[in-house]
Amino acid sequence: MNNDIRGFGKTIEVELLTHIANGTRLPAYNFDDSLFDFTLGESWLADDFIDNPECYLQGISPETDNFGLHAAIDLWLNLEEQGHLIVTKYSNPDYVRALFHKFEVRE
């Protein structure tokens, strides 16, 4: 992002991705089209997940008493504090940090 390269991707069905990640299934490959044969969903930009708490938490399991959501916010804050999240190129880092600090998980 600091070099003007925007990271982006597409969503994929969680169950399929889980099998691929666990090594229990290989993705089908279409040799005629030279690409993997599975349905992709919506597009996303990496900086949306870095700059927007609601986007960042989308799809996170809330778990008991919203532990998963609180843990995800804490992880973001820790990674940002250590300098692992780049929020300086396309946004105001102080503003983004404040968004995550004051973000309230809805019950």
PDB file of N, CA and C in Angstrom:
ATOM      1  N   MET A   1       0.818  -1.192   0.000  1.00  0.00           N
ATOM      2  CA  MET A   1       0.000   0.000   0.000  1.00  0.00           C
ATOM      3  C   MET A   1       0.860   1.252   0.000  1.00  0.00           C
ATOM      4  N   ASN A   2       1.981   1.214   0.692  1.00  0.00           N
ATOM      5  CA  ASN A   2       2.860   2.388   0.682  1.00  0.00           C
ATOM      6  C   ASN A   2       3.490   2.610  -0.687  1.00  0.00           C
ATOM      7  N   ASN A   3       3.475   1.600  -1.550  1.00  0.00           N
ATOM      8  CA  ASN A   3       4.023   1.711  -2.899  1.00  0.00           C
ATOM      9  C   ASN A   3       2.927   1.817  -3.946  1.00  0.00           C
ATOM     10  N   ASP A   4       1.748   2.271  -3.534  1.00  0.00           N
ATOM     11  CA  ASP A   4       0.597   2.434  -4.423  1.00  0.00           C
ATOM     12  C   ASP A   4       0.161   1.134  -5.092  1.00  0.00           C
ATOM     13  N   ILE A   5       0.323   0.032  -4.408  1.00  0.00           N
ATOM     14  CA  ILE A   5      -0.186  -1.249  -4.881  1.00  0.00           C
ATOM     15  C   ILE A   5      -1.352  -1.618  -3.975  1.00  0.00           C
ATOM     16  N   ARG A   6      -2.539  -1.679  -4.554  1.00  0.00           N
ATOM     17  CA  ARG A   6      -3.748  -1.955  -3.773  1.00  0.00           C
ATOM     18  C   ARG A   6      -3.994  -3.456  -3.741  1.00  0.00           C
ATOM     19  N   GLY A   7      -4.098  -4.014  -2.553  1.00  0.00           N
ATOM     20  CA  GLY A   7      -4.416  -5.423  -2.395  1.00  0.00           C
ATOM     21  C   GLY A   7      -5.915  -5.631  -2.493  1.00  0.00           C
ATOM     22  N   PHE A   8      -6.329  -6.610  -3.290  1.00  0.00           N
ATOM     23  CA  PHE A   8      -7.750  -6.883  -3.433  1.00  0.00           C
ATOM     24  C   PHE A   8      -7.951  -8.380  -3.604  1.00  0.00           C
ATOM     25  N   GLY A   9      -9.185  -8.813  -3.497  1.00  0.00           N
ATOM     26  CA  GLY A   9      -9.493 -10.223  -3.658  1.00  0.00           C
ATOM     27  C   GLY A   9     -10.976 -10.436  -3.851  1.00  0.00           C
ATOM     28  N   LYS A  10     -11.356 -11.682  -3.774  1.00  0.00           N
ATOM     29  CA  LYS A  10     -12.758 -12.078  -3.898  1.00  0.00           C
ATOM     30  C   LYS A  10     -13.074 -13.028  -2.745  1.00  0.00           C
ATOM     31  N   THR A  11     -14.333 -13.004  -2.319  1.00  0.00           N
ATOM     32  CA  THR A  11     -14.755 -13.932  -1.279  1.00  0.00           C
ATOM     33  C   THR A  11     -14.939 -15.317  -1.890  1.00  0.00           C
ATOM     34  N   ILE A  12     -14.926 -16.332  -1.037  1.00  0.00           N
ATOM     35  CA  ILE A  12     -15.121 -17.713  -1.451  1.00  0.00           C
ATOM     36  C   ILE A  12     -15.912 -18.425  -0.355  1.00  0.00           C
ATOM     37  N   GLU A  13     -16.609 -19.449  -0.716  1.00  0.00           N
ATOM     38  CA  GLU A  13     -17.412 -20.204   0.246  1.00  0.00           C
ATOM     39  C   GLU A  13     -16.512 -20.746   1.361  1.00  0.00           C
ATOM     40  N   VAL A  14     -16.910 -20.515   2.599  1.00  0.00           N
ATOM     41  CA  VAL A  14     -16.089 -20.869   3.760  1.00  0.00           C
ATOM     42  C   VAL A  14     -15.805 -22.370   3.811  1.00  0.00           C
ATOM     43  N   GLU A  15     -16.813 -23.187   3.569  1.00  0.00           N
ATOM     44  CA  GLU A  15     -16.616 -24.645   3.664  1.00  0.00           C
ATOM     45  C   GLU A  15     -15.561 -25.134   2.677  1.00  0.00           C
ATOM     46  N   LEU A  16     -15.613 -24.660   1.437  1.00  0.00           N
ATOM     47  CA  LEU A  16     -14.626 -25.056   0.441  1.00  0.00           C
ATOM     48  C   LEU A  16     -13.230 -24.605   0.853  1.00  0.00           C
ATOM     49  N   LEU A  17     -13.122 -23.359   1.276  1.00  0.00           N
ATOM     50  CA  LEU A  17     -11.821 -22.832   1.676  1.00  0.00           C
ATOM     51  C   LEU A  17     -11.268 -23.585   2.885  1.00  0.00           C
ATOM     52  N   THR A  18     -12.140 -23.966   3.812  1.00  0.00           N
ATOM     53  CA  THR A  18     -11.703 -24.725   4.990  1.00  0.00           C
ATOM     54  C   THR A  18     -11.096 -26.061   4.580  1.00  0.00           C
ATOM     55  N   HIS A  19     -11.746 -26.752   3.651  1.00  0.00           N
ATOM     56  CA  HIS A  19     -11.206 -28.038   3.174  1.00  0.00           C
ATOM     57  C   HIS A  19      -9.851 -27.847   2.483  1.00  0.00           C
ATOM     58  N   ILE A  20      -9.741 -26.811   1.672  1.00  0.00           N
ATOM     59  CA  ILE A  20      -8.474 -26.546   0.983  1.00  0.00           C
ATOM     60  C   ILE A  20      -7.391 -26.195   1.999  1.00  0.00           C
ATOM     61  N   ALA A  21      -7.711 -25.326   2.964  1.00  0.00           N
ATOM     62  CA  ALA A  21      -6.739 -24.909   3.975  1.00  0.00           C
ATOM     63  C   ALA A  21      -6.297 -26.065   4.857  1.00  0.00           C
ATOM     64  N   ASN A  22      -7.219 -26.997   5.137  1.00  0.00           N
ATOM     65  CA  ASN A  22      -6.892 -28.155   5.980  1.00  0.00           C
ATOM     66  C   ASN A  22      -6.215 -29.271   5.198  1.00  0.00           C
ATOM     67  N   GLY A  23      -6.138 -29.127   3.880  1.00  0.00           N
ATOM     68  CA  GLY A  23      -5.510 -30.156   3.056  1.00  0.00           C
ATOM     69  C   GLY A  23      -6.372 -31.379   2.839  1.00  0.00           C
ATOM     70  N   THR A  24      -7.672 -31.287   3.108  1.00  0.00           N
ATOM     71  CA  THR A  24      -8.563 -32.434   2.924  1.00  0.00           C
ATOM     72  C   THR A  24      -9.174 -32.476   1.523  1.00  0.00           C
ATOM     73  N   ARG A  25      -9.000 -31.401   0.757  1.00  0.00           N
ATOM     74  CA  ARG A  25      -9.518 -31.362  -0.603  1.00  0.00           C
ATOM     75  C   ARG A  25      -8.671 -30.391  -1.420  1.00  0.00           C
ATOM     76  N   LEU A  26      -8.400 -30.775  -2.646  1.00  0.00           N
ATOM     77  CA  LEU A  26      -7.713 -29.874  -3.561  1.00  0.00           C
ATOM     78  C   LEU A  26      -8.753 -29.146  -4.397  1.00  0.00           C
ATOM     79  N   PRO A  27      -8.481 -27.896  -4.745  1.00  0.00           N
ATOM     80  CA  PRO A  27      -9.432 -27.196  -5.616  1.00  0.00           C
ATOM     81  C   PRO A  27      -9.385 -27.796  -7.017  1.00  0.00           C
ATOM     82  N   ALA A  28     -10.542 -27.867  -7.670  1.00  0.00           N
ATOM     83  CA  ALA A  28     -10.590 -28.340  -9.046  1.00  0.00           C
ATOM     84  C   ALA A  28      -9.888 -27.319  -9.927  1.00  0.00           C
ATOM     85  N   TYR A  29      -9.176 -27.802 -10.929  1.00  0.00           N
ATOM     86  CA  TYR A  29      -8.458 -26.906 -11.829  1.00  0.00           C
ATOM     87  C   TYR A  29      -8.965 -27.101 -13.247  1.00  0.00           C
ATOM     88  N   ASN A  30      -9.301 -26.030 -13.902  1.00  0.00           N
ATOM     89  CA  ASN A  30      -9.782 -26.056 -15.272  1.00  0.00           C
ATOM     90  C   ASN A  30      -8.577 -25.774 -16.179  1.00  0.00           C
ATOM     91  N   PHE A  31      -8.037 -26.831 -16.787  1.00  0.00           N
ATOM     92  CA  PHE A  31      -6.835 -26.685 -17.605  1.00  0.00           C
ATOM     93  C   PHE A  31      -7.099 -25.910 -18.891  1.00  0.00           C
ATOM     94  N   ASP A  32      -8.326 -25.980 -19.413  1.00  0.00           N
ATOM     95  CA  ASP A  32      -8.654 -25.242 -20.631  1.00  0.00           C
ATOM     96  C   ASP A  32      -8.599 -23.735 -20.415  1.00  0.00           C
ATOM     97  N   ASP A  33      -9.098 -23.282 -19.269  1.00  0.00           N
ATOM     98  CA  ASP A  33      -9.114 -21.850 -18.962  1.00  0.00           C
ATOM     99  C   ASP A  33      -7.927 -21.412 -18.113  1.00  0.00           C
ATOM    100  N   SER A  34      -7.101 -22.367 -17.663  1.00  0.00           N
ATOM    101  CA  SER A  34      -5.920 -22.099 -16.827  1.00  0.00           C
ATOM    102  C   SER A  34      -6.270 -21.377 -15.540  1.00  0.00           C
ATOM    103  N   LEU A  35      -7.311 -21.843 -14.869  1.00  0.00           N
ATOM    104  CA  LEU A  35      -7.646 -21.291 -13.564  1.00  0.00           C
ATOM    105  C   LEU A  35      -8.416 -22.305 -12.736  1.00  0.00           C
ATOM    106  N   PHE A  36      -8.436 -22.032 -11.425  1.00  0.00           N
ATOM    107  CA  PHE A  36      -9.154 -22.909 -10.521  1.00  0.00           C
ATOM    108  C   PHE A  36     -10.645 -22.790 -10.767  1.00  0.00           C
ATOM    109  N   ASP A  37     -11.336 -23.900 -10.584  1.00  0.00           N
ATOM    110  CA  ASP A  37     -12.752 -23.976 -10.933  1.00  0.00           C
ATOM    111  C   ASP A  37     -13.611 -23.950  -9.670  1.00  0.00           C
ATOM    112  N   PHE A  38     -13.833 -22.766  -9.136  1.00  0.00           N
ATOM    113  CA  PHE A  38     -14.781 -22.586  -8.040  1.00  0.00           C
ATOM    114  C   PHE A  38     -15.390 -21.201  -8.155  1.00  0.00           C
ATOM    115  N   THR A  39     -16.540 -21.053  -7.556  1.00  0.00           N
ATOM    116  CA  THR A  39     -17.272 -19.795  -7.666  1.00  0.00           C
ATOM    117  C   THR A  39     -16.729 -18.782  -6.685  1.00  0.00           C
ATOM    118  N   LEU A  40     -16.424 -17.626  -7.184  1.00  0.00           N
ATOM    119  CA  LEU A  40     -15.963 -16.534  -6.346  1.00  0.00           C
ATOM    120  C   LEU A  40     -17.121 -15.586  -6.091  1.00  0.00           C
ATOM    121  N   GLY A  41     -17.070 -14.925  -4.950  1.00  0.00           N
ATOM    122  CA  GLY A  41     -18.137 -14.008  -4.563  1.00  0.00           C
ATOM    123  C   GLY A  41     -17.758 -12.563  -4.780  1.00  0.00           C
ATOM    124  N   GLU A  42     -18.098 -11.748  -3.808  1.00  0.00           N
ATOM    125  CA  GLU A  42     -17.911 -10.300  -3.884  1.00  0.00           C
ATOM    126  C   GLU A  42     -16.432  -9.918  -3.854  1.00  0.00           C
ATOM    127  N   SER A  43     -16.138  -8.786  -4.459  1.00  0.00           N
ATOM    128  CA  SER A  43     -14.781  -8.233  -4.428  1.00  0.00           C
ATOM    129  C   SER A  43     -14.554  -7.479  -3.122  1.00  0.00           C
ATOM    130  N   TRP A  44     -13.293  -7.384  -2.698  1.00  0.00           N
ATOM    131  CA  TRP A  44     -12.959  -6.615  -1.512  1.00  0.00           C
ATOM    132  C   TRP A  44     -11.585  -5.974  -1.708  1.00  0.00           C
ATOM    133  N   LEU A  45     -11.349  -4.897  -0.979  1.00  0.00           N
ATOM    134  CA  LEU A  45     -10.056  -4.225  -0.954  1.00  0.00           C
ATOM    135  C   LEU A  45      -9.442  -4.393   0.427  1.00  0.00           C
ATOM    136  N   ALA A  46      -8.168  -4.679   0.476  1.00  0.00           N
ATOM    137  CA  ALA A  46      -7.499  -4.903   1.763  1.00  0.00           C
ATOM    138  C   ALA A  46      -7.615  -3.696   2.677  1.00  0.00           C
ATOM    139  N   ASP A  47      -7.523  -2.488   2.115  1.00  0.00           N
ATOM    140  CA  ASP A  47      -7.570  -1.308   2.985  1.00  0.00           C
ATOM    141  C   ASP A  47      -8.934  -1.121   3.625  1.00  0.00           C
ATOM    142  N   ASP A  48     -10.002  -1.717   3.066  1.00  0.00           N
ATOM    143  CA  ASP A  48     -11.303  -1.666   3.740  1.00  0.00           C
ATOM    144  C   ASP A  48     -11.243  -2.374   5.088  1.00  0.00           C
ATOM    145  N   PHE A  49     -10.511  -3.483   5.140  1.00  0.00           N
ATOM    146  CA  PHE A  49     -10.401  -4.241   6.386  1.00  0.00           C
ATOM    147  C   PHE A  49      -9.480  -3.565   7.387  1.00  0.00           C
ATOM    148  N   ILE A  50      -8.562  -2.772   6.893  1.00  0.00           N
ATOM    149  CA  ILE A  50      -7.634  -2.069   7.773  1.00  0.00           C
ATOM    150  C   ILE A  50      -8.266  -0.800   8.328  1.00  0.00           C
ATOM    151  N   ASP A  51      -9.075  -0.120   7.526  1.00  0.00           N
ATOM    152  CA  ASP A  51      -9.609   1.190   7.897  1.00  0.00           C
ATOM    153  C   ASP A  51     -11.015   1.183   8.478  1.00  0.00           C
ATOM    154  N   ASN A  52     -11.733   0.075   8.398  1.00  0.00           N
ATOM    155  CA  ASN A  52     -13.146   0.064   8.758  1.00  0.00           C
ATOM    156  C   ASN A  52     -13.448  -1.101   9.701  1.00  0.00           C
ATOM    157  N   PRO A  53     -13.740  -0.823  10.975  1.00  0.00           N
ATOM    158  CA  PRO A  53     -13.993  -1.903  11.927  1.00  0.00           C
ATOM    159  C   PRO A  53     -15.134  -2.831  11.506  1.00  0.00           C
ATOM    160  N   GLU A  54     -16.187  -2.293  10.916  1.00  0.00           N
ATOM    161  CA  GLU A  54     -17.314  -3.146  10.528  1.00  0.00           C
ATOM    162  C   GLU A  54     -16.933  -4.102   9.401  1.00  0.00           C
ATOM    163  N   CYS A  55     -16.159  -3.630   8.430  1.00  0.00           N
ATOM    164  CA  CYS A  55     -15.669  -4.520   7.368  1.00  0.00           C
ATOM    165  C   CYS A  55     -14.718  -5.557   7.953  1.00  0.00           C
ATOM    166  N   TYR A  56     -13.839  -5.113   8.825  1.00  0.00           N
ATOM    167  CA  TYR A  56     -12.858  -5.999   9.444  1.00  0.00           C
ATOM    168  C   TYR A  56     -13.540  -7.133  10.213  1.00  0.00           C
ATOM    169  N   LEU A  57     -14.640  -6.842  10.874  1.00  0.00           N
ATOM    170  CA  LEU A  57     -15.326  -7.846  11.699  1.00  0.00           C
ATOM    171  C   LEU A  57     -16.321  -8.701  10.919  1.00  0.00           C
ATOM    172  N   GLN A  58     -16.562  -8.365   9.672  1.00  0.00           N
ATOM    173  CA  GLN A  58     -17.534  -9.107   8.875  1.00  0.00           C
ATOM    174  C   GLN A  58     -17.103 -10.563   8.747  1.00  0.00           C
ATOM    175  N   GLY A  59     -17.998 -11.448   9.128  1.00  0.00           N
ATOM    176  CA  GLY A  59     -17.728 -12.879   9.037  1.00  0.00           C
ATOM    177  C   GLY A  59     -17.031 -13.470  10.248  1.00  0.00           C
ATOM    178  N   ILE A  60     -16.640 -12.649  11.213  1.00  0.00           N
ATOM    179  CA  ILE A  60     -16.013 -13.159  12.435  1.00  0.00           C
ATOM    180  C   ILE A  60     -17.097 -13.745  13.328  1.00  0.00           C
ATOM    181  N   SER A  61     -16.867 -14.938  13.848  1.00  0.00           N
ATOM    182  CA  SER A  61     -17.828 -15.557  14.752  1.00  0.00           C
ATOM    183  C   SER A  61     -17.826 -14.796  16.078  1.00  0.00           C
ATOM    184  N   PRO A  62     -19.004 -14.350  16.534  1.00  0.00           N
ATOM    185  CA  PRO A  62     -19.028 -13.586  17.783  1.00  0.00           C
ATOM    186  C   PRO A  62     -18.654 -14.430  18.999  1.00  0.00           C
ATOM    187  N   GLU A  63     -18.940 -15.722  18.964  1.00  0.00           N
ATOM    188  CA  GLU A  63     -18.685 -16.635  20.080  1.00  0.00           C
ATOM    189  C   GLU A  63     -19.449 -16.186  21.327  1.00  0.00           C
ATOM    190  N   THR A  64     -19.190 -16.803  22.456  1.00  0.00           N
ATOM    191  CA  THR A  64     -19.891 -16.509  23.700  1.00  0.00           C
ATOM    192  C   THR A  64     -19.561 -15.109  24.189  1.00  0.00           C
ATOM    193  N   ASP A  65     -20.585 -14.345  24.523  1.00  0.00           N
ATOM    194  CA  ASP A  65     -20.429 -12.977  25.031  1.00  0.00           C
ATOM    195  C   ASP A  65     -19.598 -12.095  24.102  1.00  0.00           C
ATOM    196  N   ASN A  66     -19.692 -12.341  22.800  1.00  0.00           N
ATOM    197  CA  ASN A  66     -18.971 -11.580  21.774  1.00  0.00           C
ATOM    198  C   ASN A  66     -17.454 -11.616  21.945  1.00  0.00           C
ATOM    199  N   PHE A  67     -16.958 -12.691  22.554  1.00  0.00           N
ATOM    200  CA  PHE A  67     -15.521 -12.816  22.766  1.00  0.00           C
ATOM    201  C   PHE A  67     -14.745 -12.718  21.451  1.00  0.00           C
ATOM    202  N   GLY A  68     -15.236 -13.374  20.391  1.00  0.00           N
ATOM    203  CA  GLY A  68     -14.540 -13.372  19.107  1.00  0.00           C
ATOM    204  C   GLY A  68     -14.400 -11.982  18.523  1.00  0.00           C
ATOM    205  N   LEU A  69     -15.453 -11.183  18.646  1.00  0.00           N
ATOM    206  CA  LEU A  69     -15.414  -9.822  18.112  1.00  0.00           C
ATOM    207  C   LEU A  69     -14.470  -8.929  18.918  1.00  0.00           C
ATOM    208  N   HIS A  70     -14.533  -9.055  20.238  1.00  0.00           N
ATOM    209  CA  HIS A  70     -13.635  -8.266  21.094  1.00  0.00           C
ATOM    210  C   HIS A  70     -12.178  -8.681  20.856  1.00  0.00           C
ATOM    211  N   ALA A  71     -11.943  -9.985  20.707  1.00  0.00           N
ATOM    212  CA  ALA A  71     -10.582 -10.474  20.464  1.00  0.00           C
ATOM    213  C   ALA A  71     -10.052  -9.963  19.125  1.00  0.00           C
ATOM    214  N   ALA A  72     -10.919  -9.903  18.121  1.00  0.00           N
ATOM    215  CA  ALA A  72     -10.501  -9.405  16.806  1.00  0.00           C
ATOM    216  C   ALA A  72     -10.121  -7.924  16.877  1.00  0.00           C
ATOM    217  N   ILE A  73     -10.903  -7.137  17.577  1.00  0.00           N
ATOM    218  CA  ILE A  73     -10.582  -5.715  17.743  1.00  0.00           C
ATOM    219  C   ILE A  73      -9.264  -5.560  18.498  1.00  0.00           C
ATOM    220  N   ASP A  74      -9.088  -6.332  19.575  1.00  0.00           N
ATOM    221  CA  ASP A  74      -7.829  -6.278  20.335  1.00  0.00           C
ATOM    222  C   ASP A  74      -6.639  -6.652  19.447  1.00  0.00           C
ATOM    223  N   LEU A  75      -6.828  -7.666  18.598  1.00  0.00           N
ATOM    224  CA  LEU A  75      -5.754  -8.078  17.683  1.00  0.00           C
ATOM    225  C   LEU A  75      -5.403  -6.944  16.728  1.00  0.00           C
ATOM    226  N   TRP A  76      -6.425  -6.302  16.153  1.00  0.00           N
ATOM    227  CA  TRP A  76      -6.168  -5.186  15.246  1.00  0.00           C
ATOM    228  C   TRP A  76      -5.369  -4.098  15.954  1.00  0.00           C
ATOM    229  N   LEU A  77      -5.812  -3.716  17.159  1.00  0.00           N
ATOM    230  CA  LEU A  77      -5.128  -2.658  17.906  1.00  0.00           C
ATOM    231  C   LEU A  77      -3.683  -3.035  18.217  1.00  0.00           C
ATOM    232  N   ASN A  78      -3.442  -4.291  18.583  1.00  0.00           N
ATOM    233  CA  ASN A  78      -2.076  -4.746  18.877  1.00  0.00           C
ATOM    234  C   ASN A  78      -1.205  -4.727  17.619  1.00  0.00           C
ATOM    235  N   LEU A  79      -1.737  -5.218  16.503  1.00  0.00           N
ATOM    236  CA  LEU A  79      -0.967  -5.225  15.256  1.00  0.00           C
ATOM    237  C   LEU A  79      -0.663  -3.809  14.783  1.00  0.00           C
ATOM    238  N   GLU A  80      -1.636  -2.920  14.901  1.00  0.00           N
ATOM    239  CA  GLU A  80      -1.433  -1.533  14.484  1.00  0.00           C
ATOM    240  C   GLU A  80      -0.385  -0.857  15.367  1.00  0.00           C
ATOM    241  N   GLU A  81      -0.457  -1.107  16.665  1.00  0.00           N
ATOM    242  CA  GLU A  81       0.500  -0.512  17.604  1.00  0.00           C
ATOM    243  C   GLU A  81       1.926  -0.971  17.296  1.00  0.00           C
ATOM    244  N   GLN A  82       2.073  -2.216  16.840  1.00  0.00           N
ATOM    245  CA  GLN A  82       3.390  -2.758  16.507  1.00  0.00           C
ATOM    246  C   GLN A  82       3.861  -2.330  15.113  1.00  0.00           C
ATOM    247  N   GLY A  83       3.009  -1.602  14.390  1.00  0.00           N
ATOM    248  CA  GLY A  83       3.392  -1.118  13.072  1.00  0.00           C
ATOM    249  C   GLY A  83       3.149  -2.088  11.941  1.00  0.00           C
ATOM    250  N   HIS A  84       2.364  -3.130  12.180  1.00  0.00           N
ATOM    251  CA  HIS A  84       2.121  -4.134  11.143  1.00  0.00           C
ATOM    252  C   HIS A  84       0.974  -3.780  10.204  1.00  0.00           C
ATOM    253  N   LEU A  85       0.171  -2.797  10.542  1.00  0.00           N
ATOM    254  CA  LEU A  85      -0.921  -2.372   9.674  1.00  0.00           C
ATOM    255  C   LEU A  85      -0.578  -1.008   9.101  1.00  0.00           C
ATOM    256  N   ILE A  86      -0.715  -0.882   7.814  1.00  0.00           N
ATOM    257  CA  ILE A  86      -0.363   0.366   7.145  1.00  0.00           C
ATOM    258  C   ILE A  86      -1.629   1.187   6.972  1.00  0.00           C
ATOM    259  N   VAL A  87      -1.757   2.238   7.741  1.00  0.00           N
ATOM    260  CA  VAL A  87      -2.927   3.101   7.620  1.00  0.00           C
ATOM    261  C   VAL A  87      -2.520   4.537   7.287  1.00  0.00           C
ATOM    262  N   THR A  88      -1.308   4.719   6.830  1.00  0.00           N
ATOM    263  CA  THR A  88      -0.836   6.072   6.582  1.00  0.00           C
ATOM    264  C   THR A  88      -0.976   6.532   5.133  1.00  0.00           C
ATOM    265  N   LYS A  89      -1.007   5.627   4.174  1.00  0.00           N
ATOM    266  CA  LYS A  89      -0.998   6.016   2.766  1.00  0.00           C
ATOM    267  C   LYS A  89      -2.339   6.574   2.290  1.00  0.00           C
ATOM    268  N   TYR A  90      -3.427   5.898   2.622  1.00  0.00           N
ATOM    269  CA  TYR A  90      -4.724   6.280   2.080  1.00  0.00           C
ATOM    270  C   TYR A  90      -5.682   6.846   3.116  1.00  0.00           C
ATOM    271  N   SER A  91      -5.238   6.973   4.340  1.00  0.00           N
ATOM    272  CA  SER A  91      -6.144   7.472   5.372  1.00  0.00           C
ATOM    273  C   SER A  91      -5.351   8.126   6.495  1.00  0.00           C
ATOM    274  N   ASN A  92      -6.082   8.647   7.448  1.00  0.00           N
ATOM    275  CA  ASN A  92      -5.498   9.306   8.605  1.00  0.00           C
ATOM    276  C   ASN A  92      -5.326   8.268   9.720  1.00  0.00           C
ATOM    277  N   PRO A  93      -4.089   7.920  10.083  1.00  0.00           N
ATOM    278  CA  PRO A  93      -3.889   6.854  11.072  1.00  0.00           C
ATOM    279  C   PRO A  93      -4.497   7.158  12.436  1.00  0.00           C
ATOM    280  N   ASP A  94      -4.458   8.409  12.869  1.00  0.00           N
ATOM    281  CA  ASP A  94      -5.040   8.750  14.169  1.00  0.00           C
ATOM    282  C   ASP A  94      -6.551   8.560  14.158  1.00  0.00           C
ATOM    283  N   TYR A  95      -7.182   8.952  13.059  1.00  0.00           N
ATOM    284  CA  TYR A  95      -8.634   8.784  12.921  1.00  0.00           C
ATOM    285  C   TYR A  95      -9.010   7.303  12.897  1.00  0.00           C
ATOM    286  N   VAL A  96      -8.284   6.504  12.120  1.00  0.00           N
ATOM    287  CA  VAL A  96      -8.590   5.069  12.015  1.00  0.00           C
ATOM    288  C   VAL A  96      -8.372   4.386  13.358  1.00  0.00           C
ATOM    289  N   ARG A  97      -7.263   4.699  14.029  1.00  0.00           N
ATOM    290  CA  ARG A  97      -6.982   4.116  15.340  1.00  0.00           C
ATOM    291  C   ARG A  97      -8.113   4.446  16.315  1.00  0.00           C
ATOM    292  N   ALA A  98      -8.596   5.681  16.272  1.00  0.00           N
ATOM    293  CA  ALA A  98      -9.695   6.098  17.154  1.00  0.00           C
ATOM    294  C   ALA A  98     -10.979   5.327  16.831  1.00  0.00           C
ATOM    295  N   LEU A  99     -11.229   5.064  15.547  1.00  0.00           N
ATOM    296  CA  LEU A  99     -12.409   4.276  15.171  1.00  0.00           C
ATOM    297  C   LEU A  99     -12.394   2.900  15.838  1.00  0.00           C
ATOM    298  N   PHE A 100     -11.230   2.258  15.820  1.00  0.00           N
ATOM    299  CA  PHE A 100     -11.122   0.925  16.422  1.00  0.00           C
ATOM    300  C   PHE A 100     -11.156   0.998  17.937  1.00  0.00           C
ATOM    301  N   HIS A 101     -10.537   2.021  18.533  1.00  0.00           N
ATOM    302  CA  HIS A 101     -10.562   2.165  19.996  1.00  0.00           C
ATOM    303  C   HIS A 101     -11.985   2.359  20.515  1.00  0.00           C
ATOM    304  N   LYS A 102     -12.769   3.172  19.831  1.00  0.00           N
ATOM    305  CA  LYS A 102     -14.092   3.478  20.330  1.00  0.00           C
ATOM    306  C   LYS A 102     -15.175   2.551  19.776  1.00  0.00           C
ATOM    307  N   PHE A 103     -14.812   1.609  18.903  1.00  0.00           N
ATOM    308  CA  PHE A 103     -15.816   0.733  18.298  1.00  0.00           C
ATOM    309  C   PHE A 103     -16.490  -0.100  19.378  1.00  0.00           C
ATOM    310  N   GLU A 104     -17.812  -0.127  19.324  1.00  0.00           N
ATOM    311  CA  GLU A 104     -18.584  -0.900  20.299  1.00  0.00           C
ATOM    312  C   GLU A 104     -19.253  -2.073  19.591  1.00  0.00           C
ATOM    313  N   VAL A 105     -19.041  -3.242  20.140  1.00  0.00           N
ATOM    314  CA  VAL A 105     -19.678  -4.443  19.596  1.00  0.00           C
ATOM    315  C   VAL A 105     -21.148  -4.391  19.983  1.00  0.00           C
ATOM    316  N   ARG A 106     -21.989  -4.526  18.978  1.00  0.00           N
ATOM    317  CA  ARG A 106     -23.451  -4.491  19.223  1.00  0.00           C
ATOM    318  C   ARG A 106     -23.905  -5.833  19.748  1.00  0.00           C
ATOM    319  N   GLU A 107     -24.670  -5.803  20.796  1.00  0.00           N
ATOM    320  CA  GLU A 107     -25.176  -7.031  21.405  1.00  0.00           C
ATOM    321  C   GLU A 107     -26.357  -7.565  20.626  1.00  0.00           C
TER     322      GLU A 107
END
